[in-house]
Amino acid sequence: MGHLRTVLQLNTSEFALLLDLPRKRMKRILRSTAKPSVSLLARVRRALPYINPDWLLTGEGPVLYTPATAPADPLYLPLPSTPIALSPGNAIHTNHGTANQTLNILHCQQSLNVCRQHMAMLQQQLRDKERIIQLLELQLNSAH
C-alpha cells in the first residue's frame, strides 16, 4: 500500500480519504508488513478503477493503467491521459497531478452519490406525505 500511495503522490491523510478509511487505520496499514486483506484490496480497486488488478494482487506489471496499457474490457477504466480542463471559477481544481485529479474526481463522485441518496430519501418522503394526504382525505370524506 505504501508503494501505491507513493505512486499516487498522496500523503497518508489523502490516501485514507481516498479509500474512505480513518487516518489512524491507514497509518497502521502503511506500517504493517503483513499482506493486505482481501477487503482492503477490494476497497482499493473500487476507489481506483485504473489500478492494474494484476499488480494489486501480485505486484507484477504496471501499477496504473494508461490508455495504452488498459485492456479493452470496459470494466477497466484507464487513467486520463490529459488533465481535466475546467474554468478557474469551477469548484474542481487540479495541479495536473494524477493524485489530485483522482481525489477531485472521487470527491465529485462521492458528492454525487450523496446527492442521489438524498434525492431518493426526499422522493420517499414525498410519497409518504402524498399517502398521508390521501388517507386524511378519505377520513375527511367518510366523516361527512
Protein backbone atom coordinates (compact mmCIF):
# COMPACT_ATOMS: atom_id res chain seq x y z
CA MET A 1 0.00 0.00 0.00
CA GLY A 2 2.89 2.33 0.70
CA HIS A 3 4.16 1.96 -2.86
CA LEU A 4 0.72 2.74 -4.25
CA ARG A 5 0.46 5.82 -2.03
CA THR A 6 3.86 6.96 -3.34
CA VAL A 7 2.89 6.33 -6.97
CA LEU A 8 -0.27 8.37 -6.49
CA GLN A 9 1.73 11.11 -4.76
CA LEU A 10 -0.62 11.18 -1.77
CA ASN A 11 0.07 11.79 1.87
CA THR A 12 -1.40 9.43 4.46
CA SER A 13 -4.47 11.60 5.09
CA GLU A 14 -5.27 11.92 1.39
CA PHE A 15 -4.80 8.18 0.86
CA ALA A 16 -7.10 7.44 3.82
CA LEU A 17 -9.71 9.85 2.44
CA LEU A 18 -9.48 8.27 -0.99
CA LEU A 19 -10.13 4.81 0.46
CA ASP A 20 -12.70 6.08 2.95
CA LEU A 21 -10.70 4.85 5.93
CA PRO A 22 -9.87 6.55 9.21
CA ARG A 23 -6.40 8.11 9.15
CA LYS A 24 -5.23 6.03 12.14
CA ARG A 25 -6.23 2.82 10.40
CA MET A 26 -4.43 3.91 7.24
CA LYS A 27 -1.28 4.62 9.26
CA ARG A 28 -1.44 1.08 10.74
CA ILE A 29 -1.94 -0.40 7.26
CA LEU A 30 1.02 1.52 5.88
CA ARG A 31 3.26 0.48 8.80
CA SER A 32 2.24 -3.17 8.58
CA THR A 33 4.44 -5.73 6.87
CA ALA A 34 1.51 -8.15 6.52
CA LYS A 35 -0.17 -8.68 3.19
CA PRO A 36 -3.27 -6.50 2.70
CA SER A 37 -6.62 -8.11 3.35
CA VAL A 38 -8.98 -9.02 0.53
CA SER A 39 -11.43 -6.37 1.73
CA LEU A 40 -8.70 -3.71 1.57
CA LEU A 41 -7.71 -4.80 -1.94
CA ALA A 42 -11.37 -4.67 -3.00
CA ARG A 43 -11.70 -1.20 -1.46
CA VAL A 44 -8.63 -0.03 -3.40
CA ARG A 45 -9.99 -1.49 -6.63
CA ARG A 46 -13.39 0.20 -6.18
CA ALA A 47 -11.84 3.55 -5.33
CA LEU A 48 -9.21 3.40 -8.07
CA PRO A 49 -10.61 1.58 -11.11
CA TYR A 50 -7.50 2.32 -13.19
CA ILE A 51 -5.25 0.31 -10.85
CA ASN A 52 -3.93 -2.78 -12.57
CA PRO A 53 -5.54 -5.67 -10.66
CA ASP A 54 -2.62 -7.95 -11.56
CA TRP A 55 -0.23 -5.52 -9.89
CA LEU A 56 -2.58 -5.17 -6.94
CA LEU A 57 -2.65 -8.94 -6.35
CA THR A 58 0.85 -9.99 -7.42
CA GLY A 59 2.99 -6.86 -7.65
CA GLU A 60 3.67 -7.65 -11.31
CA GLY A 61 3.07 -5.36 -14.27
CA PRO A 62 2.37 -1.64 -14.32
CA VAL A 63 0.70 -0.14 -11.25
CA LEU A 64 -1.63 2.09 -13.24
CA TYR A 65 -3.41 1.53 -16.49
CA THR A 66 -2.95 4.21 -19.08
CA PRO A 67 -4.93 4.45 -22.32
CA ALA A 68 -2.10 2.49 -23.98
CA THR A 69 -1.99 -0.32 -21.38
CA ALA A 70 -5.67 -0.62 -20.48
CA PRO A 71 -7.44 -3.81 -21.57
CA ALA A 72 -10.32 -3.44 -24.00
CA ASP A 73 -12.64 -4.58 -21.20
CA PRO A 74 -14.88 -1.62 -20.20
CA LEU A 75 -14.60 -2.68 -16.53
CA TYR A 76 -11.06 -1.34 -16.55
CA LEU A 77 -11.03 2.42 -16.69
CA PRO A 78 -7.78 3.86 -18.00
CA LEU A 79 -6.12 6.73 -16.24
CA PRO A 80 -6.98 10.01 -18.01
CA SER A 81 -4.12 10.98 -20.32
CA THR A 82 -4.81 14.71 -20.10
CA PRO A 83 -5.60 16.90 -17.12
CA ILE A 84 -9.17 17.92 -16.50
CA ALA A 85 -9.65 21.28 -18.16
CA LEU A 86 -12.07 23.43 -16.21
CA SER A 87 -12.56 27.11 -15.78
CA PRO A 88 -10.76 28.78 -12.86
CA GLY A 89 -14.12 29.53 -11.21
CA ASN A 90 -15.11 25.88 -11.17
CA ALA A 91 -15.13 24.02 -7.86
CA ILE A 92 -12.70 21.41 -9.19
CA HIS A 93 -9.07 22.46 -9.34
CA THR A 94 -6.17 20.30 -10.45
CA ASN A 95 -2.44 20.79 -10.47
CA HIS A 96 -2.15 18.40 -13.41
CA GLY A 97 -1.09 15.68 -10.97
CA THR A 98 -2.63 12.24 -11.17
CA ALA A 99 -3.35 12.05 -7.46
CA ASN A 100 -5.07 15.43 -7.25
CA GLN A 101 -7.18 14.70 -10.32
CA THR A 102 -8.15 11.37 -8.82
CA LEU A 103 -9.06 12.89 -5.48
CA ASN A 104 -11.12 15.61 -7.15
CA ILE A 105 -12.95 13.15 -9.38
CA LEU A 106 -13.61 10.79 -6.48
CA HIS A 107 -14.76 13.67 -4.29
CA CYS A 108 -17.21 14.70 -7.03
CA GLN A 109 -18.40 11.09 -7.41
CA GLN A 110 -18.92 10.81 -3.66
CA SER A 111 -20.79 14.13 -3.61
CA LEU A 112 -22.95 12.95 -6.49
CA ASN A 113 -23.72 9.70 -4.67
CA VAL A 114 -24.67 11.63 -1.52
CA CYS A 115 -26.94 13.87 -3.59
CA ARG A 116 -28.56 10.84 -5.23
CA GLN A 117 -29.16 9.23 -1.83
CA HIS A 118 -30.61 12.49 -0.51
CA MET A 119 -32.84 12.80 -3.56
CA ALA A 120 -34.08 9.22 -3.11
CA MET A 121 -34.84 9.95 0.54
CA LEU A 122 -36.74 13.12 -0.38
CA GLN A 123 -38.71 11.25 -3.04
CA GLN A 124 -39.68 8.63 -0.47
CA GLN A 125 -40.73 11.34 1.98
CA LEU A 126 -42.84 12.94 -0.75
CA ARG A 127 -44.54 9.59 -1.49
CA ASP A 128 -45.17 9.11 2.23
CA LYS A 129 -46.70 12.58 2.56
CA GLU A 130 -48.86 12.07 -0.50
CA ARG A 131 -50.12 8.82 1.02
CA ILE A 132 -50.87 10.60 4.32
CA ILE A 133 -52.83 13.26 2.42
CA GLN A 134 -54.82 10.55 0.63
CA LEU A 135 -55.62 8.86 3.94
CA LEU A 136 -56.64 12.14 5.53
CA GLU A 137 -58.87 12.96 2.56
CA LEU A 138 -60.51 9.54 2.84
CA GLN A 139 -61.03 10.05 6.55
CA LEU A 140 -62.46 13.52 5.96
CA ASN A 141 -64.81 12.27 3.21
CA SER A 142 -66.02 9.37 5.33
CA ALA A 143 -66.75 11.71 8.28
CA HIS A 144 -69.10 13.80 6.13
